[in-house]
C-alpha cells in the first residue's frame, strides 16, 4: 500500500495541467495560461517587444501561447521569449 501512495504522489507531482485562453482587447490579441486552474501568465502585450501592443492576429497569439506552454511543460520558469524566438514563430 505504501508503494501505491508513493506512486500517486509522484504522478501528481509530475502531471501539471495547463489550460490557455486567447483573448482580444483594444490593443490587440493576448493570452492567459493557467496551471491546475490557477492563472500564472496574463500576456496582454507581445513579449520581447517594447511598448503596449498586443498580437496583430489570433493565430500569432496562439503560436506564442503554445510555445510558452511547451516551455512550462519542460519546467522552464519563467518561460521567457526572446526576440529571435518571436521572429521565428511569427514568420509569415
PDB file of N, CA and C in Angstrom:
ATOM      1  N   UNK A   1       0.820  -1.203   0.000  1.00  0.00           N
ATOM      2  CA  UNK A   1       0.000   0.000   0.000  1.00  0.00           C
ATOM      3  C   UNK A   1       0.864   1.266   0.000  1.00  0.00           C
ATOM      4  N   UNK A   2       1.937   1.259   0.732  1.00  0.00           N
ATOM      5  CA  UNK A   2       2.810   2.427   0.784  1.00  0.00           C
ATOM      6  C   UNK A   2       3.373   2.754  -0.593  1.00  0.00           C
ATOM      7  N   UNK A   3       3.743   1.727  -1.344  1.00  0.00           N
ATOM      8  CA  UNK A   3       4.279   1.942  -2.673  1.00  0.00           C
ATOM      9  C   UNK A   3       3.235   2.604  -3.581  1.00  0.00           C
ATOM     10  N   UNK A   4       1.994   2.206  -3.488  1.00  0.00           N
ATOM     11  CA  UNK A   4       0.936   2.818  -4.290  1.00  0.00           C
ATOM     12  C   UNK A   4       0.760   4.288  -3.934  1.00  0.00           C
ATOM     13  N   UNK A   5       0.812   4.629  -2.688  1.00  0.00           N
ATOM     14  CA  UNK A   5       0.680   6.026  -2.270  1.00  0.00           C
ATOM     15  C   UNK A   5       1.837   6.837  -2.844  1.00  0.00           C
ATOM     16  N   UNK A   6       3.048   6.294  -2.788  1.00  0.00           N
ATOM     17  CA  UNK A   6       4.193   6.986  -3.344  1.00  0.00           C
ATOM     18  C   UNK A   6       4.025   7.224  -4.838  1.00  0.00           C
ATOM     19  N   UNK A   7       3.546   6.235  -5.554  1.00  0.00           N
ATOM     20  CA  UNK A   7       3.331   6.393  -6.984  1.00  0.00           C
ATOM     21  C   UNK A   7       2.322   7.488  -7.267  1.00  0.00           C
ATOM     22  N   UNK A   8       1.274   7.540  -6.494  1.00  0.00           N
ATOM     23  CA  UNK A   8       0.249   8.573  -6.683  1.00  0.00           C
ATOM     24  C   UNK A   8       0.852   9.946  -6.457  1.00  0.00           C
ATOM     25  N   UNK A   9       1.629  10.113  -5.420  1.00  0.00           N
ATOM     26  CA  UNK A   9       2.241  11.409  -5.138  1.00  0.00           C
ATOM     27  C   UNK A   9       3.202  11.808  -6.250  1.00  0.00           C
ATOM     28  N   UNK A  10       4.020  10.884  -6.698  1.00  0.00           N
ATOM     29  CA  UNK A  10       4.965  11.199  -7.766  1.00  0.00           C
ATOM     30  C   UNK A  10       4.205  11.544  -9.042  1.00  0.00           C
ATOM     31  N   UNK A  11       3.186  10.772  -9.373  1.00  0.00           N
ATOM     32  CA  UNK A  11       2.385  11.040 -10.559  1.00  0.00           C
ATOM     33  C   UNK A  11       1.736  12.417 -10.461  1.00  0.00           C
ATOM     34  N   UNK A  12       1.197  12.748  -9.315  1.00  0.00           N
ATOM     35  CA  UNK A  12       0.560  14.056  -9.127  1.00  0.00           C
ATOM     36  C   UNK A  12       1.578  15.180  -9.262  1.00  0.00           C
ATOM     37  N   UNK A  13       2.776  14.972  -8.741  1.00  0.00           N
ATOM     38  CA  UNK A  13       3.815  15.996  -8.795  1.00  0.00           C
ATOM     39  C   UNK A  13       4.234  16.280 -10.233  1.00  0.00           C
ATOM     40  N   UNK A  14       4.312  15.256 -11.063  1.00  0.00           N
ATOM     41  CA  UNK A  14       4.803  15.429 -12.422  1.00  0.00           C
ATOM     42  C   UNK A  14       3.703  15.609 -13.463  1.00  0.00           C
ATOM     43  N   UNK A  15       2.453  15.652 -13.056  1.00  0.00           N
ATOM     44  CA  UNK A  15       1.382  15.772 -14.050  1.00  0.00           C
ATOM     45  C   UNK A  15       0.692  17.128 -13.936  1.00  0.00           C
ATOM     46  N   UNK A  16       1.428  18.173 -14.245  1.00  0.00           N
ATOM     47  CA  UNK A  16       0.854  19.512 -14.243  1.00  0.00           C
ATOM     48  C   UNK A  16      -0.043  19.671 -15.457  1.00  0.00           C
ATOM     49  N   UNK A  17      -1.155  20.342 -15.278  1.00  0.00           N
ATOM     50  CA  UNK A  17      -2.079  20.543 -16.380  1.00  0.00           C
ATOM     51  C   UNK A  17      -2.155  22.023 -16.701  1.00  0.00           C
ATOM     52  N   UNK A  18      -2.099  22.312 -17.988  1.00  0.00           N
ATOM     53  CA  UNK A  18      -2.163  23.694 -18.446  1.00  0.00           C
ATOM     54  C   UNK A  18      -3.397  23.902 -19.309  1.00  0.00           C
ATOM     55  N   UNK A  19      -4.013  25.049 -19.138  1.00  0.00           N
ATOM     56  CA  UNK A  19      -5.133  25.462 -19.977  1.00  0.00           C
ATOM     57  C   UNK A  19      -4.823  26.864 -20.465  1.00  0.00           C
ATOM     58  N   UNK A  20      -5.284  27.194 -21.655  1.00  0.00           N
ATOM     59  CA  UNK A  20      -4.987  28.509 -22.227  1.00  0.00           C
ATOM     60  C   UNK A  20      -6.256  29.187 -22.732  1.00  0.00           C
ATOM     61  N   UNK A  21      -6.230  30.492 -22.731  1.00  0.00           N
ATOM     62  CA  UNK A  21      -7.312  31.317 -23.284  1.00  0.00           C
ATOM     63  C   UNK A  21      -6.669  32.369 -24.174  1.00  0.00           C
ATOM     64  N   UNK A  22      -7.185  32.506 -25.373  1.00  0.00           N
ATOM     65  CA  UNK A  22      -6.754  33.558 -26.301  1.00  0.00           C
ATOM     66  C   UNK A  22      -7.849  34.616 -26.279  1.00  0.00           C
ATOM     67  N   UNK A  23      -7.478  35.887 -26.109  1.00  0.00           N
ATOM     68  CA  UNK A  23      -8.481  36.947 -25.998  1.00  0.00           C
ATOM     69  C   UNK A  23      -8.054  38.172 -26.801  1.00  0.00           C
ATOM     70  N   UNK A  24      -9.011  39.057 -27.024  1.00  0.00           N
ATOM     71  CA  UNK A  24      -8.705  40.304 -27.720  1.00  0.00           C
ATOM     72  C   UNK A  24      -9.128  41.489 -26.866  1.00  0.00           C
ATOM     73  N   UNK A  25      -8.329  42.551 -26.946  1.00  0.00           N
ATOM     74  CA  UNK A  25      -8.617  43.826 -26.277  1.00  0.00           C
ATOM     75  C   UNK A  25      -8.368  44.932 -27.300  1.00  0.00           C
ATOM     76  N   UNK A  26      -8.524  46.174 -26.892  1.00  0.00           N
ATOM     77  CA  UNK A  26      -8.312  47.279 -27.839  1.00  0.00           C
ATOM     78  C   UNK A  26      -6.872  47.366 -28.339  1.00  0.00           C
ATOM     79  N   UNK A  27      -5.900  46.817 -27.606  1.00  0.00           N
ATOM     80  CA  UNK A  27      -4.505  46.893 -28.048  1.00  0.00           C
ATOM     81  C   UNK A  27      -4.113  45.709 -28.932  1.00  0.00           C
ATOM     82  N   UNK A  28      -4.976  44.725 -29.079  1.00  0.00           N
ATOM     83  CA  UNK A  28      -4.683  43.546 -29.892  1.00  0.00           C
ATOM     84  C   UNK A  28      -5.018  42.259 -29.164  1.00  0.00           C
ATOM     85  N   UNK A  29      -4.478  41.160 -29.659  1.00  0.00           N
ATOM     86  CA  UNK A  29      -4.724  39.836 -29.087  1.00  0.00           C
ATOM     87  C   UNK A  29      -3.721  39.520 -27.983  1.00  0.00           C
ATOM     88  N   UNK A  30      -4.142  38.700 -27.025  1.00  0.00           N
ATOM     89  CA  UNK A  30      -3.282  38.262 -25.936  1.00  0.00           C
ATOM     90  C   UNK A  30      -3.647  36.852 -25.519  1.00  0.00           C
ATOM     91  N   UNK A  31      -2.998  36.375 -24.477  1.00  0.00           N
ATOM     92  CA  UNK A  31      -3.310  35.030 -23.985  1.00  0.00           C
ATOM     93  C   UNK A  31      -3.111  34.932 -22.479  1.00  0.00           C
ATOM     94  N   UNK A  32      -3.757  33.929 -21.912  1.00  0.00           N
ATOM     95  CA  UNK A  32      -3.603  33.597 -20.498  1.00  0.00           C
ATOM     96  C   UNK A  32      -3.268  32.114 -20.415  1.00  0.00           C
ATOM     97  N   UNK A  33      -2.423  31.771 -19.461  1.00  0.00           N
ATOM     98  CA  UNK A  33      -2.086  30.370 -19.217  1.00  0.00           C
ATOM     99  C   UNK A  33      -2.399  30.062 -17.754  1.00  0.00           C
ATOM    100  N   UNK A  34      -3.115  28.971 -17.562  1.00  0.00           N
ATOM    101  CA  UNK A  34      -3.498  28.509 -16.233  1.00  0.00           C
ATOM    102  C   UNK A  34      -2.796  27.193 -15.942  1.00  0.00           C
ATOM    103  N   UNK A  35      -2.301  27.070 -14.725  1.00  0.00           N
ATOM    104  CA  UNK A  35      -1.687  25.822 -14.277  1.00  0.00           C
ATOM    105  C   UNK A  35      -2.568  25.253 -13.182  1.00  0.00           C
ATOM    106  N   UNK A  36      -3.142  24.090 -13.446  1.00  0.00           N
ATOM    107  CA  UNK A  36      -4.058  23.451 -12.496  1.00  0.00           C
ATOM    108  C   UNK A  36      -5.135  24.426 -12.018  1.00  0.00           C
ATOM    109  N   UNK A  37      -5.675  25.213 -12.953  1.00  0.00           N
ATOM    110  CA  UNK A  37      -6.767  26.127 -12.649  1.00  0.00           C
ATOM    111  C   UNK A  37      -6.355  27.488 -12.133  1.00  0.00           C
ATOM    112  N   UNK A  38      -5.064  27.698 -11.878  1.00  0.00           N
ATOM    113  CA  UNK A  38      -4.581  28.976 -11.349  1.00  0.00           C
ATOM    114  C   UNK A  38      -3.910  29.784 -12.459  1.00  0.00           C
ATOM    115  N   UNK A  39      -4.312  31.037 -12.613  1.00  0.00           N
ATOM    116  CA  UNK A  39      -3.712  31.909 -13.618  1.00  0.00           C
ATOM    117  C   UNK A  39      -2.252  32.172 -13.269  1.00  0.00           C
ATOM    118  N   UNK A  40      -1.349  31.813 -14.214  1.00  0.00           N
ATOM    119  CA  UNK A  40       0.075  32.052 -13.955  1.00  0.00           C
ATOM    120  C   UNK A  40       0.680  33.034 -14.957  1.00  0.00           C
ATOM    121  N   UNK A  41       0.061  33.185 -16.131  1.00  0.00           N
ATOM    122  CA  UNK A  41       0.551  34.152 -17.123  1.00  0.00           C
ATOM    123  C   UNK A  41      -0.635  34.868 -17.739  1.00  0.00           C
ATOM    124  N   UNK A  42      -0.594  36.193 -17.694  1.00  0.00           N
ATOM    125  CA  UNK A  42      -1.613  37.037 -18.326  1.00  0.00           C
ATOM    126  C   UNK A  42      -0.866  37.951 -19.285  1.00  0.00           C
ATOM    127  N   UNK A  43      -0.750  37.527 -20.550  1.00  0.00           N
ATOM    128  CA  UNK A  43       0.090  38.209 -21.530  1.00  0.00           C
ATOM    129  C   UNK A  43      -0.769  39.064 -22.457  1.00  0.00           C
ATOM    130  N   UNK A  44      -0.854  40.351 -22.142  1.00  0.00           N
ATOM    131  CA  UNK A  44      -1.644  41.284 -22.945  1.00  0.00           C
ATOM    132  C   UNK A  44      -0.801  41.926 -24.037  1.00  0.00           C
ATOM    133  N   UNK A  45       0.506  41.985 -23.825  1.00  0.00           N
ATOM    134  CA  UNK A  45       1.430  42.612 -24.779  1.00  0.00           C
ATOM    135  C   UNK A  45       2.289  41.541 -25.443  1.00  0.00           C
ATOM    136  N   UNK A  46       2.792  41.858 -26.622  1.00  0.00           N
ATOM    137  CA  UNK A  46       3.722  40.945 -27.286  1.00  0.00           C
ATOM    138  C   UNK A  46       5.000  40.897 -26.450  1.00  0.00           C
ATOM    139  N   UNK A  47       5.423  39.700 -26.021  1.00  0.00           N
ATOM    140  CA  UNK A  47       6.651  39.622 -25.221  1.00  0.00           C
ATOM    141  C   UNK A  47       7.881  39.961 -26.062  1.00  0.00           C
ATOM    142  N   UNK A  48       8.917  40.433 -25.418  1.00  0.00           N
ATOM    143  CA  UNK A  48      10.209  40.753 -26.039  1.00  0.00           C
ATOM    144  C   UNK A  48      10.148  41.986 -26.932  1.00  0.00           C
ATOM    145  N   UNK A  49       9.034  42.702 -26.923  1.00  0.00           N
ATOM    146  CA  UNK A  49       8.880  43.899 -27.750  1.00  0.00           C
ATOM    147  C   UNK A  49       8.500  45.062 -26.841  1.00  0.00           C
ATOM    148  N   UNK A  50       9.176  46.189 -26.989  1.00  0.00           N
ATOM    149  CA  UNK A  50       8.846  47.350 -26.178  1.00  0.00           C
ATOM    150  C   UNK A  50       7.496  47.919 -26.590  1.00  0.00           C
ATOM    151  N   UNK A  51       6.826  48.495 -25.629  1.00  0.00           N
ATOM    152  CA  UNK A  51       5.553  49.147 -25.923  1.00  0.00           C
ATOM    153  C   UNK A  51       4.375  48.369 -25.365  1.00  0.00           C
ATOM    154  N   UNK A  52       3.228  48.893 -25.669  1.00  0.00           N
ATOM    155  CA  UNK A  52       1.979  48.349 -25.141  1.00  0.00           C
ATOM    156  C   UNK A  52       1.113  47.876 -26.306  1.00  0.00           C
ATOM    157  N   UNK A  53       1.610  46.872 -27.030  1.00  0.00           N
ATOM    158  CA  UNK A  53       0.930  46.390 -28.220  1.00  0.00           C
ATOM    159  C   UNK A  53       0.648  44.909 -28.101  1.00  0.00           C
ATOM    160  N   UNK A  54      -0.584  44.521 -28.401  1.00  0.00           N
ATOM    161  CA  UNK A  54      -0.935  43.113 -28.421  1.00  0.00           C
ATOM    162  C   UNK A  54      -0.554  42.489 -29.754  1.00  0.00           C
ATOM    163  N   UNK A  55      -0.813  41.190 -29.885  1.00  0.00           N
ATOM    164  CA  UNK A  55      -0.557  40.499 -31.142  1.00  0.00           C
ATOM    165  C   UNK A  55      -1.538  40.994 -32.200  1.00  0.00           C
ATOM    166  N   UNK A  56      -1.097  41.020 -33.457  1.00  0.00           N
ATOM    167  CA  UNK A  56      -1.948  41.509 -34.550  1.00  0.00           C
ATOM    168  C   UNK A  56      -3.076  40.541 -34.879  1.00  0.00           C
ATOM    169  N   UNK A  57      -2.823  39.219 -34.723  1.00  0.00           N
ATOM    170  CA  UNK A  57      -3.847  38.234 -35.062  1.00  0.00           C
ATOM    171  C   UNK A  57      -4.009  37.214 -33.934  1.00  0.00           C
ATOM    172  N   UNK A  58      -5.136  36.563 -33.957  1.00  0.00           N
ATOM    173  CA  UNK A  58      -5.410  35.483 -33.007  1.00  0.00           C
ATOM    174  C   UNK A  58      -4.394  34.360 -33.207  1.00  0.00           C
ATOM    175  N   UNK A  59      -4.082  34.067 -34.458  1.00  0.00           N
ATOM    176  CA  UNK A  59      -3.135  32.991 -34.768  1.00  0.00           C
ATOM    177  C   UNK A  59      -1.752  33.266 -34.190  1.00  0.00           C
ATOM    178  N   UNK A  60      -1.304  34.512 -34.254  1.00  0.00           N
ATOM    179  CA  UNK A  60       0.000  34.863 -33.674  1.00  0.00           C
ATOM    180  C   UNK A  60      -0.008  34.645 -32.161  1.00  0.00           C
ATOM    181  N   UNK A  61      -1.067  35.079 -31.517  1.00  0.00           N
ATOM    182  CA  UNK A  61      -1.179  34.887 -30.061  1.00  0.00           C
ATOM    183  C   UNK A  61      -1.184  33.397 -29.725  1.00  0.00           C
ATOM    184  N   UNK A  62      -1.878  32.596 -30.524  1.00  0.00           N
ATOM    185  CA  UNK A  62      -1.933  31.150 -30.286  1.00  0.00           C
ATOM    186  C   UNK A  62      -0.560  30.501 -30.440  1.00  0.00           C
ATOM    187  N   UNK A  63       0.193  30.882 -31.467  1.00  0.00           N
ATOM    188  CA  UNK A  63       1.524  30.311 -31.696  1.00  0.00           C
ATOM    189  C   UNK A  63       2.444  30.565 -30.505  1.00  0.00           C
ATOM    190  N   UNK A  64       2.468  31.803 -30.042  1.00  0.00           N
ATOM    191  CA  UNK A  64       3.362  32.142 -28.929  1.00  0.00           C
ATOM    192  C   UNK A  64       2.861  31.492 -27.640  1.00  0.00           C
ATOM    193  N   UNK A  65       1.571  31.470 -27.445  1.00  0.00           N
ATOM    194  CA  UNK A  65       0.996  30.825 -26.259  1.00  0.00           C
ATOM    195  C   UNK A  65       1.376  29.342 -26.210  1.00  0.00           C
ATOM    196  N   UNK A  66       1.275  28.646 -27.328  1.00  0.00           N
ATOM    197  CA  UNK A  66       1.652  27.228 -27.384  1.00  0.00           C
ATOM    198  C   UNK A  66       3.143  27.050 -27.109  1.00  0.00           C
ATOM    199  N   UNK A  67       3.962  27.951 -27.642  1.00  0.00           N
ATOM    200  CA  UNK A  67       5.407  27.897 -27.427  1.00  0.00           C
ATOM    201  C   UNK A  67       5.736  28.062 -25.940  1.00  0.00           C
ATOM    202  N   UNK A  68       5.110  29.042 -25.310  1.00  0.00           N
ATOM    203  CA  UNK A  68       5.340  29.295 -23.879  1.00  0.00           C
ATOM    204  C   UNK A  68       4.842  28.115 -23.047  1.00  0.00           C
ATOM    205  N   UNK A  69       3.707  27.551 -23.416  1.00  0.00           N
ATOM    206  CA  UNK A  69       3.171  26.396 -22.685  1.00  0.00           C
ATOM    207  C   UNK A  69       4.133  25.213 -22.773  1.00  0.00           C
ATOM    208  N   UNK A  70       4.725  24.992 -23.947  1.00  0.00           N
ATOM    209  CA  UNK A  70       5.719  23.915 -24.074  1.00  0.00           C
ATOM    210  C   UNK A  70       6.917  24.159 -23.159  1.00  0.00           C
ATOM    211  N   UNK A  71       7.348  25.404 -23.045  1.00  0.00           N
ATOM    212  CA  UNK A  71       8.457  25.720 -22.133  1.00  0.00           C
ATOM    213  C   UNK A  71       8.069  25.394 -20.694  1.00  0.00           C
ATOM    214  N   UNK A  72       6.845  25.722 -20.317  1.00  0.00           N
ATOM    215  CA  UNK A  72       6.372  25.408 -18.965  1.00  0.00           C
ATOM    216  C   UNK A  72       6.344  23.895 -18.733  1.00  0.00           C
ATOM    217  N   UNK A  73       5.892  23.155 -19.728  1.00  0.00           N
ATOM    218  CA  UNK A  73       5.846  21.696 -19.602  1.00  0.00           C
ATOM    219  C   UNK A  73       7.239  21.110 -19.443  1.00  0.00           C
ATOM    220  N   UNK A  74       8.245  21.805 -19.965  1.00  0.00           N
ATOM    221  CA  UNK A  74       9.638  21.363 -19.827  1.00  0.00           C
ATOM    222  C   UNK A  74      10.292  21.946 -18.568  1.00  0.00           C
ATOM    223  N   UNK A  75       9.461  22.500 -17.696  1.00  0.00           N
ATOM    224  CA  UNK A  75       9.901  23.033 -16.391  1.00  0.00           C
ATOM    225  C   UNK A  75      10.774  24.276 -16.514  1.00  0.00           C
ATOM    226  N   UNK A  76      10.606  25.031 -17.588  1.00  0.00           N
ATOM    227  CA  UNK A  76      11.361  26.270 -17.766  1.00  0.00           C
ATOM    228  C   UNK A  76      10.530  27.419 -17.193  1.00  0.00           C
ATOM    229  N   UNK A  77      11.016  28.022 -16.110  1.00  0.00           N
ATOM    230  CA  UNK A  77      10.287  29.128 -15.500  1.00  0.00           C
ATOM    231  C   UNK A  77      11.269  30.186 -15.034  1.00  0.00           C
ATOM    232  N   UNK A  78      11.078  31.422 -15.378  1.00  0.00           N
ATOM    233  CA  UNK A  78       9.986  31.903 -16.219  1.00  0.00           C
ATOM    234  C   UNK A  78      10.214  31.514 -17.676  1.00  0.00           C
ATOM    235  N   UNK A  79       9.135  31.293 -18.410  1.00  0.00           N
ATOM    236  CA  UNK A  79       9.249  30.869 -19.807  1.00  0.00           C
ATOM    237  C   UNK A  79       9.403  32.054 -20.748  1.00  0.00           C
ATOM    238  N   UNK A  80      10.530  32.727 -20.675  1.00  0.00           N
ATOM    239  CA  UNK A  80      10.722  33.950 -21.453  1.00  0.00           C
ATOM    240  C   UNK A  80      10.798  33.643 -22.951  1.00  0.00           C
ATOM    241  N   UNK A  81      10.499  34.662 -23.748  1.00  0.00           N
ATOM    242  CA  UNK A  81      10.535  34.559 -25.207  1.00  0.00           C
ATOM    243  C   UNK A  81      11.497  35.627 -25.714  1.00  0.00           C
ATOM    244  N   UNK A  82      12.508  35.195 -26.454  1.00  0.00           N
ATOM    245  CA  UNK A  82      13.489  36.151 -26.994  1.00  0.00           C
ATOM    246  C   UNK A  82      12.951  36.760 -28.289  1.00  0.00           C
ATOM    247  N   UNK A  83      13.592  37.826 -28.728  1.00  0.00           N
ATOM    248  CA  UNK A  83      13.218  38.464 -29.991  1.00  0.00           C
ATOM    249  C   UNK A  83      13.402  37.478 -31.144  1.00  0.00           C
ATOM    250  N   UNK A  84      14.508  36.719 -31.131  1.00  0.00           N
ATOM    251  CA  UNK A  84      14.749  35.735 -32.195  1.00  0.00           C
ATOM    252  C   UNK A  84      13.670  34.655 -32.213  1.00  0.00           C
ATOM    253  N   UNK A  85      13.293  34.156 -31.032  1.00  0.00           N
ATOM    254  CA  UNK A  85      12.228  33.145 -30.968  1.00  0.00           C
ATOM    255  C   UNK A  85      10.911  33.716 -31.486  1.00  0.00           C
ATOM    256  N   UNK A  86      10.631  34.939 -31.110  1.00  0.00           N
ATOM    257  CA  UNK A  86       9.397  35.596 -31.553  1.00  0.00           C
ATOM    258  C   UNK A  86       9.387  35.756 -33.072  1.00  0.00           C
ATOM    259  N   UNK A  87      10.502  36.218 -33.636  1.00  0.00           N
ATOM    260  CA  UNK A  87      10.609  36.364 -35.092  1.00  0.00           C
ATOM    261  C   UNK A  87      10.395  35.024 -35.790  1.00  0.00           C
ATOM    262  N   UNK A  88      10.988  33.971 -35.250  1.00  0.00           N
ATOM    263  CA  UNK A  88      10.866  32.638 -35.837  1.00  0.00           C
ATOM    264  C   UNK A  88       9.414  32.147 -35.778  1.00  0.00           C
ATOM    265  N   UNK A  89       8.742  32.382 -34.674  1.00  0.00           N
ATOM    266  CA  UNK A  89       7.355  31.936 -34.506  1.00  0.00           C
ATOM    267  C   UNK A  89       6.383  32.688 -35.406  1.00  0.00           C
ATOM    268  N   UNK A  90       6.637  33.977 -35.607  1.00  0.00           N
ATOM    269  CA  UNK A  90       5.677  34.816 -36.320  1.00  0.00           C
ATOM    270  C   UNK A  90       6.028  35.046 -37.783  1.00  0.00           C
ATOM    271  N   UNK A  91       7.000  34.296 -38.304  1.00  0.00           N
ATOM    272  CA  UNK A  91       7.330  34.428 -39.729  1.00  0.00           C
ATOM    273  C   UNK A  91       6.128  34.002 -40.551  1.00  0.00           C
ATOM    274  N   UNK A  92       5.813  34.783 -41.548  1.00  0.00           N
ATOM    275  CA  UNK A  92       4.634  34.502 -42.384  1.00  0.00           C
ATOM    276  C   UNK A  92       4.983  33.561 -43.500  1.00  0.00           C
TER     277      UNK A  92
END
